[in-house]
Amino acid sequence: MSVINVVAGNVFTALSQDSDTESNRAELYRALTYEVKDAAAMKRRNPRLRRWDGTKSFFDRRNKRFQTGFIPRVRTYLATRGYALNVRFTQEPPPEHFSTLFIPSLDGITLRSYQERAVLDFFKHRRGVAKLATGASKTELAIAIAVFVLTF
């Protein structure tokens, strides 16, 4: 079984130098490829797209990286192709006292208790998806995270 080594950061995961081969780049590209909806109609409207196969990929070939949230998808795909994905995380662990960190003032925005927990969870895990109902103040949550990042 071949191994592909990647280095994961908070946002992007990059192919490590020791695994930077054309075949590994091609496998990552295929793992993150998807078919574009209405590609046939796009090709009919734009003559320059006639040779396009109707797919795109979340793998950035130039920078040899993809978004860190795709690691599970890449790992599953590579396993079916006989590859193993070795991920080295470069994020710093959260501080021991993380749950007691101060959430800065948001000038007119008062966070609800579940929003404060979401901000703390976001920084504890260094990523996340906010699945909240309509009107649950996702924008305020995003603002709080942005202010927290800029403050600390």
Protein backbone atom coordinates (compact mmCIF):
# COMPACT_ATOMS: atom_id res chain seq x y z
CA MET A 1 0.00 0.00 0.00
CA SER A 2 1.39 3.37 -1.04
CA VAL A 3 1.35 6.27 1.42
CA ILE A 4 0.64 9.90 0.59
CA ASN A 5 1.91 12.35 3.20
CA VAL A 6 0.16 15.68 3.73
CA VAL A 7 0.57 18.55 6.16
CA ALA A 8 -2.70 19.91 7.55
CA GLY A 9 -3.16 23.46 8.74
CA ASN A 10 -6.27 25.23 9.96
CA VAL A 11 -7.53 26.01 6.47
CA PHE A 12 -5.45 24.15 3.89
CA THR A 13 -3.79 20.76 3.70
CA ALA A 14 -0.74 20.60 1.46
CA LEU A 15 1.04 17.71 -0.17
CA SER A 16 4.35 17.21 1.64
CA GLN A 17 7.56 17.43 -0.36
CA ASP A 18 8.42 13.76 0.10
CA SER A 19 5.08 12.76 -1.51
CA ASP A 20 5.10 15.36 -4.28
CA THR A 21 4.89 13.17 -7.37
CA GLU A 22 2.72 13.52 -10.45
CA SER A 23 0.81 10.33 -9.63
CA ASN A 24 0.06 11.51 -6.05
CA ARG A 25 -1.10 14.90 -7.32
CA ALA A 26 -3.34 13.13 -9.85
CA GLU A 27 -4.87 10.92 -7.14
CA LEU A 28 -5.63 13.92 -4.91
CA TYR A 29 -7.10 15.76 -7.89
CA ARG A 30 -9.38 12.81 -8.69
CA ALA A 31 -10.37 12.42 -5.03
CA LEU A 32 -11.68 15.98 -4.99
CA THR A 33 -13.23 16.11 -8.45
CA TYR A 34 -16.94 16.68 -8.94
CA GLU A 35 -19.26 17.11 -11.90
CA VAL A 36 -20.52 20.62 -12.52
CA LYS A 37 -24.29 20.93 -12.65
CA ASP A 38 -25.53 22.05 -16.09
CA ALA A 39 -22.07 21.60 -17.63
CA ALA A 40 -23.63 20.60 -20.95
CA ALA A 41 -25.61 23.85 -21.12
CA MET A 42 -22.50 25.85 -20.22
CA LYS A 43 -20.57 24.17 -23.01
CA ARG A 44 -23.32 24.96 -25.54
CA ARG A 45 -23.38 28.65 -24.56
CA ASN A 46 -19.62 29.14 -24.51
CA PRO A 47 -17.63 27.76 -27.46
CA ARG A 48 -14.35 27.97 -25.49
CA LEU A 49 -15.68 25.26 -23.12
CA ARG A 50 -16.44 22.69 -25.83
CA ARG A 51 -13.46 20.47 -24.92
CA TRP A 52 -14.06 20.79 -21.16
CA ASP A 53 -15.09 17.48 -19.55
CA GLY A 54 -17.62 19.16 -17.23
CA THR A 55 -15.72 18.54 -13.99
CA LYS A 56 -13.89 20.67 -11.45
CA SER A 57 -11.73 19.77 -8.49
CA PHE A 58 -11.22 21.20 -5.02
CA PHE A 59 -7.51 20.30 -5.32
CA ASP A 60 -5.37 23.34 -6.14
CA ARG A 61 -2.78 21.96 -8.57
CA ARG A 62 -0.59 25.05 -8.57
CA ASN A 63 -0.19 25.19 -4.77
CA LYS A 64 -0.62 21.41 -4.28
CA ARG A 65 -3.22 21.81 -1.55
CA PHE A 66 -6.88 21.40 -0.65
CA GLN A 67 -9.14 22.58 2.14
CA THR A 68 -8.55 20.73 5.39
CA GLY A 69 -12.21 19.85 5.77
CA PHE A 70 -11.88 17.43 2.84
CA ILE A 71 -9.44 15.10 4.67
CA PRO A 72 -12.11 12.44 5.43
CA ARG A 73 -13.27 12.41 1.79
CA VAL A 74 -9.70 12.14 0.50
CA ARG A 75 -8.84 9.37 2.98
CA THR A 76 -11.92 7.33 1.97
CA TYR A 77 -11.24 7.74 -1.75
CA LEU A 78 -7.55 6.87 -1.45
CA ALA A 79 -8.34 3.74 0.57
CA THR A 80 -10.43 2.43 -2.33
CA ARG A 81 -7.46 3.07 -4.65
CA GLY A 82 -4.92 1.27 -2.45
CA TYR A 83 -3.35 4.33 -0.84
CA ALA A 84 -3.04 5.40 2.77
CA LEU A 85 -3.19 9.05 3.79
CA ASN A 86 -0.74 10.11 6.47
CA VAL A 87 -1.74 13.48 7.93
CA ARG A 88 0.61 15.60 10.03
CA PHE A 89 -1.26 18.37 11.81
CA THR A 90 0.55 21.67 12.32
CA GLN A 91 -2.06 23.42 14.44
CA GLU A 92 -1.16 24.36 17.96
CA PRO A 93 -3.30 22.65 20.59
CA PRO A 94 -5.74 24.88 22.44
CA PRO A 95 -4.57 26.23 25.79
CA GLU A 96 -5.38 24.20 28.91
CA HIS A 97 -7.62 26.97 30.23
CA PHE A 98 -9.47 27.39 26.93
CA SER A 99 -12.99 27.12 28.33
CA THR A 100 -12.34 30.12 30.56
CA LEU A 101 -11.07 32.44 27.81
CA PHE A 102 -12.72 35.82 27.58
CA ILE A 103 -14.92 36.50 24.55
CA PRO A 104 -14.34 40.14 23.58
CA SER A 105 -17.04 42.79 23.51
CA LEU A 106 -18.88 43.00 20.21
CA ASP A 107 -20.16 46.60 20.34
CA GLY A 108 -23.92 46.14 20.38
CA ILE A 109 -24.04 42.39 19.86
CA THR A 110 -24.82 40.20 22.84
CA LEU A 111 -24.10 36.53 22.27
CA ARG A 112 -26.52 33.95 23.57
CA SER A 113 -25.14 31.10 25.68
CA TYR A 114 -25.22 28.59 22.79
CA GLN A 115 -23.33 31.09 20.61
CA GLU A 116 -20.62 31.52 23.26
CA ARG A 117 -20.29 27.72 23.44
CA ALA A 118 -20.05 27.60 19.63
CA VAL A 119 -17.25 30.21 19.60
CA LEU A 120 -15.32 28.29 22.26
CA ASP A 121 -15.88 24.98 20.46
CA PHE A 122 -14.73 26.52 17.19
CA PHE A 123 -11.41 27.53 18.69
CA LYS A 124 -11.02 24.37 20.71
CA HIS A 125 -11.23 22.25 17.54
CA ARG A 126 -9.73 24.90 15.22
CA ARG A 127 -12.56 24.49 12.70
CA GLY A 128 -16.25 23.79 12.52
CA VAL A 129 -19.55 24.11 10.76
CA ALA A 130 -22.36 26.12 12.35
CA LYS A 131 -25.60 24.25 11.75
CA LEU A 132 -28.18 26.62 13.18
CA ALA A 133 -31.80 27.31 12.32
CA THR A 134 -32.95 30.35 10.39
CA GLY A 135 -32.77 33.40 12.63
CA ALA A 136 -30.30 31.82 15.07
CA SER A 137 -27.78 34.63 14.45
CA LYS A 138 -25.13 32.82 12.42
CA THR A 139 -23.83 36.18 11.22
CA GLU A 140 -23.27 37.36 14.79
CA LEU A 141 -21.52 34.07 15.52
CA ALA A 142 -19.20 34.61 12.55
CA ILE A 143 -18.51 38.18 13.67
CA ALA A 144 -17.65 36.96 17.16
CA ILE A 145 -15.21 34.40 15.75
CA ALA A 146 -13.62 37.04 13.49
CA VAL A 147 -13.25 39.51 16.38
CA PHE A 148 -11.82 36.75 18.57
CA VAL A 149 -9.25 35.87 15.87
CA LEU A 150 -8.22 39.51 15.42
CA THR A 151 -8.06 40.13 19.18
CA PHE A 152 -5.99 37.10 20.13
